Amino acid sequence: MESLLHYFNSMPAWQQLAWFLGCLFGSIFLESLVPLVHFDYKKFRHDVFNISLLFFNNILLFPLTIALSMVMVWGEANQIGLLHHLNLPLWVELLLAVMLLDLVAQYGVHYCLHHVNWMWRLHMIHHADTHVDATTGTRHHIGDLAFRFLAAGLAIVVFGIPAVYYLIYRLITIFFSYFTHANIQLPKPIDRSLSLLLVTPDMHKFHHHHQAPWTDSNYGNVFSIWDRLFGTLVYADTADIHYGLDTMDGSRDLDFLYQMKAPIDASIGKTRD
């Protein structure tokens, strides 16, 4: 276990980039083999739009990324947080760290993004995609991602999560983000069985249905247990899913200005009840 942690602790940037590219383009490749929906759309234009948001956001989030790194260094140096004061096996610590990050920085903040009016307006951009595929996992407003970073920072400080555990969690979330958004169809028995513990492609697609209550369900990113525990799980027939948002103009889902002004333009979409 120590050698594994040492590997991730010294993992070069090019290997992290290779993991990201492998997860994204591997999911896109699977879409060509076993598609869930046969879309009639300009996939290249759609994918370029979504991936461009990823690079745009990463540039803007760079200062926050540096700040989060400094928080982790400070926390480890001063032994701040729960895990620093528990004498647990390393594999237990890692599992707890991944689960706690998934609960706080994904499920918890994702729930808030749906139920706090002004936060929802930031998150609408992600849901406005009318052709959900692997690149939808890259489609976020900068404010949406900032809240996820802040929630991760809170979890890191409170629970004393070391930087290497956070890196491993980030690599896991990259895989799940692209795989679960991918327009792929696993055999139904396999998808349903996996969904007992993990978020699966079919399970996450209900979250991208254009209307509540399905839109306000399946908030998990890695583990489905949070949705099961808190009563937010939906699993039905994927043939009934219609992507996009019923409160936004679906024909403008690739209109950059329309999407970017959605959080501040009251005429676009609506607040949550």
Protein backbone atom coordinates (compact mmCIF):
# COMPACT_ATOMS: atom_id res chain seq x y z
CA MET A 1 0.00 0.00 0.00
CA GLU A 2 2.83 2.36 0.86
CA SER A 3 4.48 1.76 -2.52
CA LEU A 4 1.17 2.50 -4.27
CA LEU A 5 0.79 5.76 -2.39
CA HIS A 6 4.40 6.63 -3.17
CA TYR A 7 3.70 6.09 -6.87
CA PHE A 8 0.72 8.46 -6.87
CA ASN A 9 2.56 10.96 -4.68
CA SER A 10 5.29 11.22 -7.32
CA MET A 11 3.05 10.72 -10.37
CA PRO A 12 4.35 13.01 -13.15
CA ALA A 13 2.03 15.48 -14.83
CA TRP A 14 2.24 13.70 -18.19
CA GLN A 15 0.82 10.52 -16.66
CA GLN A 16 -2.05 12.47 -15.12
CA LEU A 17 -2.71 14.05 -18.52
CA ALA A 18 -2.56 10.62 -20.18
CA TRP A 19 -5.15 9.33 -17.69
CA PHE A 20 -7.45 12.26 -18.46
CA LEU A 21 -7.12 11.80 -22.23
CA GLY A 22 -7.52 8.03 -21.95
CA CYS A 23 -10.72 8.35 -19.89
CA LEU A 24 -12.23 10.99 -22.17
CA PHE A 25 -11.35 9.56 -25.57
CA GLY A 26 -11.81 5.98 -24.37
CA SER A 27 -15.39 6.88 -23.43
CA ILE A 28 -15.89 8.60 -26.80
CA PHE A 29 -14.63 5.44 -28.54
CA LEU A 30 -17.07 3.27 -26.58
CA GLU A 31 -19.89 5.56 -27.73
CA SER A 32 -19.21 4.49 -31.31
CA LEU A 33 -19.43 0.81 -30.35
CA VAL A 34 -22.42 0.58 -28.01
CA PRO A 35 -24.45 3.83 -28.17
CA LEU A 36 -27.43 4.26 -25.89
CA VAL A 37 -29.05 6.83 -28.20
CA HIS A 38 -28.40 7.28 -31.93
CA PHE A 39 -28.07 11.06 -31.99
CA ASP A 40 -28.53 13.12 -35.13
CA TYR A 41 -26.14 15.96 -34.37
CA LYS A 42 -22.83 17.54 -35.35
CA LYS A 43 -20.72 15.65 -32.86
CA PHE A 44 -17.45 17.41 -33.65
CA ARG A 45 -18.97 20.86 -33.06
CA HIS A 46 -20.71 19.62 -29.93
CA ASP A 47 -17.56 18.06 -28.48
CA VAL A 48 -15.35 21.04 -29.30
CA PHE A 49 -17.81 23.37 -27.55
CA ASN A 50 -17.89 21.26 -24.38
CA ILE A 51 -14.15 20.55 -24.25
CA SER A 52 -13.38 24.23 -24.87
CA LEU A 53 -15.26 25.05 -21.66
CA LEU A 54 -12.98 22.63 -19.82
CA PHE A 55 -9.80 24.39 -20.94
CA PHE A 56 -11.32 27.84 -20.40
CA ASN A 57 -12.34 26.91 -16.86
CA ASN A 58 -9.01 25.30 -15.99
CA ILE A 59 -7.21 28.53 -16.85
CA LEU A 60 -9.56 30.59 -14.68
CA LEU A 61 -9.43 28.06 -11.83
CA PHE A 62 -5.64 27.95 -11.70
CA PRO A 63 -5.38 30.36 -8.71
CA LEU A 64 -7.97 28.30 -6.82
CA THR A 65 -6.04 25.13 -7.63
CA ILE A 66 -2.88 26.67 -6.16
CA ALA A 67 -4.82 27.79 -3.08
CA LEU A 68 -6.19 24.27 -2.58
CA SER A 69 -2.68 22.83 -2.82
CA MET A 70 -1.48 25.30 -0.17
CA VAL A 71 -4.37 24.30 2.11
CA MET A 72 -3.38 20.64 1.82
CA VAL A 73 0.29 21.39 2.58
CA TRP A 74 -0.72 23.52 5.58
CA GLY A 75 -3.12 20.88 6.87
CA GLU A 76 -0.55 18.08 6.65
CA ALA A 77 2.19 20.19 8.23
CA ASN A 78 -0.04 21.07 11.18
CA GLN A 79 -1.84 17.73 11.43
CA ILE A 80 -5.21 19.39 10.96
CA GLY A 81 -8.25 17.17 10.57
CA LEU A 82 -9.75 13.89 11.72
CA LEU A 83 -7.62 11.35 9.84
CA HIS A 84 -4.40 12.74 11.36
CA HIS A 85 -5.63 11.68 14.79
CA LEU A 86 -6.89 8.19 13.97
CA ASN A 87 -4.56 5.23 13.85
CA LEU A 88 -6.08 3.43 10.88
CA PRO A 89 -4.59 1.15 8.22
CA LEU A 90 -3.62 3.07 5.11
CA TRP A 91 -6.18 1.32 2.91
CA VAL A 92 -8.95 2.24 5.36
CA GLU A 93 -7.77 5.86 5.44
CA LEU A 94 -7.75 6.00 1.64
CA LEU A 95 -11.22 4.46 1.34
CA LEU A 96 -12.61 6.86 3.96
CA ALA A 97 -10.98 9.84 2.25
CA VAL A 98 -12.44 8.91 -1.15
CA MET A 99 -15.89 8.34 0.34
CA LEU A 100 -15.87 11.57 2.35
CA LEU A 101 -14.72 13.62 -0.63
CA ASP A 102 -17.42 12.02 -2.76
CA LEU A 103 -20.05 12.80 -0.13
CA VAL A 104 -19.05 16.41 0.55
CA ALA A 105 -17.38 17.69 -2.63
CA GLN A 106 -19.68 15.90 -5.05
CA TYR A 107 -23.00 14.70 -3.65
CA GLY A 108 -23.39 17.48 -1.09
CA VAL A 109 -22.41 20.42 -3.29
CA HIS A 110 -24.29 18.90 -6.24
CA TYR A 111 -27.46 18.78 -4.13
CA CYS A 112 -26.99 22.45 -3.26
CA LEU A 113 -26.45 23.35 -6.92
CA HIS A 114 -29.93 22.02 -7.61
CA HIS A 115 -31.76 23.42 -4.60
CA VAL A 116 -30.24 26.87 -4.01
CA ASN A 117 -31.71 29.25 -6.58
CA TRP A 118 -28.63 31.28 -7.52
CA MET A 119 -26.41 28.18 -7.51
CA TRP A 120 -28.85 26.39 -9.80
CA ARG A 121 -28.48 29.16 -12.36
CA LEU A 122 -24.77 28.37 -12.55
CA HIS A 123 -25.45 24.66 -12.88
CA MET A 124 -28.08 25.02 -15.63
CA ILE A 125 -25.32 25.17 -18.25
CA HIS A 126 -24.35 21.60 -17.49
CA HIS A 127 -27.94 20.42 -17.84
CA ALA A 128 -28.65 22.45 -20.98
CA ASP A 129 -26.81 19.93 -23.16
CA THR A 130 -29.43 18.27 -25.38
CA HIS A 131 -27.06 15.53 -26.56
CA VAL A 132 -25.51 14.05 -23.43
CA ASP A 133 -22.25 12.25 -24.15
CA ALA A 134 -18.78 11.89 -22.63
CA THR A 135 -17.91 15.54 -23.27
CA THR A 136 -20.90 16.67 -21.21
CA GLY A 137 -18.69 15.81 -18.25
CA THR A 138 -16.48 18.76 -19.26
CA ARG A 139 -19.39 21.21 -19.63
CA HIS A 140 -19.59 23.43 -16.54
CA HIS A 141 -19.83 27.07 -15.59
CA ILE A 142 -16.75 28.39 -13.79
CA GLY A 143 -18.88 29.18 -10.72
CA ASP A 144 -20.18 25.61 -10.60
CA LEU A 145 -16.63 24.22 -10.49
CA ALA A 146 -15.50 26.82 -7.97
CA PHE A 147 -18.09 25.59 -5.46
CA ARG A 148 -16.86 22.03 -5.94
CA PHE A 149 -13.29 23.17 -5.25
CA LEU A 150 -14.36 25.03 -2.12
CA ALA A 151 -16.31 22.00 -0.87
CA ALA A 152 -13.25 19.81 -1.50
CA GLY A 153 -11.12 22.26 0.49
CA LEU A 154 -13.58 22.11 3.38
CA ALA A 155 -13.53 18.31 3.38
CA ILE A 156 -9.72 18.25 3.22
CA VAL A 157 -9.37 20.53 6.26
CA VAL A 158 -12.10 18.97 8.40
CA PHE A 159 -11.14 15.36 7.72
CA GLY A 160 -7.40 15.85 7.34
CA ILE A 161 -7.18 14.35 3.84
CA PRO A 162 -3.60 14.17 2.54
CA ALA A 163 -2.76 15.48 -0.93
CA VAL A 164 -2.04 12.01 -2.30
CA TYR A 165 -5.52 10.79 -1.28
CA TYR A 166 -7.07 13.80 -2.98
CA LEU A 167 -5.09 13.13 -6.15
CA ILE A 168 -6.29 9.53 -6.23
CA TYR A 169 -9.85 10.73 -5.73
CA ARG A 170 -9.48 13.24 -8.56
CA LEU A 171 -8.24 10.50 -10.91
CA ILE A 172 -11.21 8.32 -9.95
CA THR A 173 -13.69 11.17 -10.52
CA ILE A 174 -12.21 11.88 -13.96
CA PHE A 175 -13.03 8.32 -15.01
CA PHE A 176 -16.55 8.40 -13.56
CA SER A 177 -17.32 11.84 -14.96
CA TYR A 178 -16.69 10.80 -18.57
CA PHE A 179 -17.82 7.18 -18.31
CA THR A 180 -21.17 7.94 -16.68
CA HIS A 181 -21.97 10.79 -19.07
CA ALA A 182 -20.90 8.74 -22.11
CA ASN A 183 -23.63 7.82 -24.58
CA ILE A 184 -23.09 4.12 -24.00
CA GLN A 185 -25.29 1.21 -23.10
CA LEU A 186 -24.01 -1.48 -20.79
CA PRO A 187 -26.02 -4.70 -20.62
CA LYS A 188 -28.98 -3.81 -18.39
CA PRO A 189 -28.34 -6.50 -15.74
CA ILE A 190 -24.70 -5.37 -15.42
CA ASP A 191 -25.60 -1.67 -15.19
CA ARG A 192 -28.29 -2.30 -12.58
CA SER A 193 -26.03 -4.57 -10.52
CA LEU A 194 -23.15 -2.08 -10.55
CA SER A 195 -25.56 0.71 -9.59
CA LEU A 196 -26.11 -0.93 -6.21
CA LEU A 197 -22.75 0.55 -5.18
CA LEU A 198 -21.45 2.78 -7.99
CA VAL A 199 -22.86 5.44 -10.31
CA THR A 200 -23.40 3.90 -13.75
CA PRO A 201 -24.09 5.34 -17.22
CA ASP A 202 -27.81 4.46 -17.15
CA MET A 203 -28.23 5.70 -13.59
CA HIS A 204 -26.69 9.10 -14.31
CA LYS A 205 -28.72 9.65 -17.48
CA PHE A 206 -31.92 10.09 -15.41
CA HIS A 207 -30.24 13.09 -13.79
CA HIS A 208 -30.07 14.70 -17.25
CA HIS A 209 -33.79 14.32 -17.98
CA HIS A 210 -35.26 17.69 -18.94
CA GLN A 211 -37.82 17.84 -16.13
CA ALA A 212 -38.07 17.39 -12.39
CA PRO A 213 -38.28 15.17 -10.43
CA TRP A 214 -35.73 13.13 -12.39
CA THR A 215 -33.49 16.17 -12.87
CA ASP A 216 -33.32 16.44 -9.07
CA SER A 217 -32.11 12.89 -8.51
CA ASN A 218 -28.96 10.76 -8.74
CA TYR A 219 -26.52 13.40 -7.49
CA GLY A 220 -23.68 10.97 -6.82
CA ASN A 221 -20.45 10.96 -8.79
CA VAL A 222 -18.66 7.76 -7.75
CA PHE A 223 -20.81 6.00 -5.14
CA SER A 224 -24.55 5.48 -5.57
CA ILE A 225 -24.92 4.75 -1.86
CA TRP A 226 -25.45 8.45 -1.06
CA ASP A 227 -28.51 8.62 -3.32
CA ARG A 228 -29.82 5.41 -1.79
CA LEU A 229 -29.17 6.64 1.74
CA PHE A 230 -30.77 10.08 1.26
CA GLY A 231 -33.67 8.99 -0.93
CA THR A 232 -32.61 10.72 -4.15
CA LEU A 233 -32.19 7.63 -6.32
CA VAL A 234 -34.10 7.08 -9.57
CA TYR A 235 -33.72 4.04 -11.81
CA ALA A 236 -36.33 3.48 -14.48
CA ASP A 237 -36.49 3.05 -18.28
CA THR A 238 -33.83 5.07 -20.13
CA ALA A 239 -36.11 5.19 -23.19
CA ASP A 240 -38.20 7.77 -21.30
CA ILE A 241 -35.30 10.21 -20.88
CA HIS A 242 -35.35 13.49 -22.80
CA TYR A 243 -32.14 15.51 -22.47
CA GLY A 244 -31.83 19.25 -21.89
CA LEU A 245 -33.91 21.60 -19.75
CA ASP A 246 -37.56 22.40 -20.33
CA THR A 247 -36.86 25.96 -19.18
CA MET A 248 -34.09 26.71 -21.71
CA ASP A 249 -34.01 26.96 -25.49
CA GLY A 250 -32.59 23.61 -26.55
CA SER A 251 -31.68 24.92 -29.99
CA ARG A 252 -29.13 27.22 -28.33
CA ASP A 253 -27.29 24.63 -26.26
CA LEU A 254 -24.09 25.42 -28.22
CA ASP A 255 -24.59 29.20 -28.17
CA PHE A 256 -21.72 30.39 -25.96
CA LEU A 257 -23.14 33.83 -25.13
CA TYR A 258 -26.59 32.43 -24.38
CA GLN A 259 -25.14 29.81 -22.05
CA MET A 260 -22.73 32.15 -20.28
CA LYS A 261 -25.35 34.82 -19.56
CA ALA A 262 -27.88 32.28 -18.25
CA PRO A 263 -26.79 32.73 -14.59
CA ILE A 264 -27.47 36.50 -14.68
CA ASP A 265 -30.29 36.77 -17.22
CA ALA A 266 -33.65 36.20 -15.55
CA SER A 267 -35.30 35.66 -18.93
CA ILE A 268 -33.31 32.44 -19.38
CA GLY A 269 -34.49 29.47 -17.40
CA LYS A 270 -35.99 29.88 -13.98
CA THR A 271 -35.09 29.61 -10.32
CA ARG A 272 -35.96 26.54 -8.30
CA ASP A 273 -39.07 26.36 -6.15
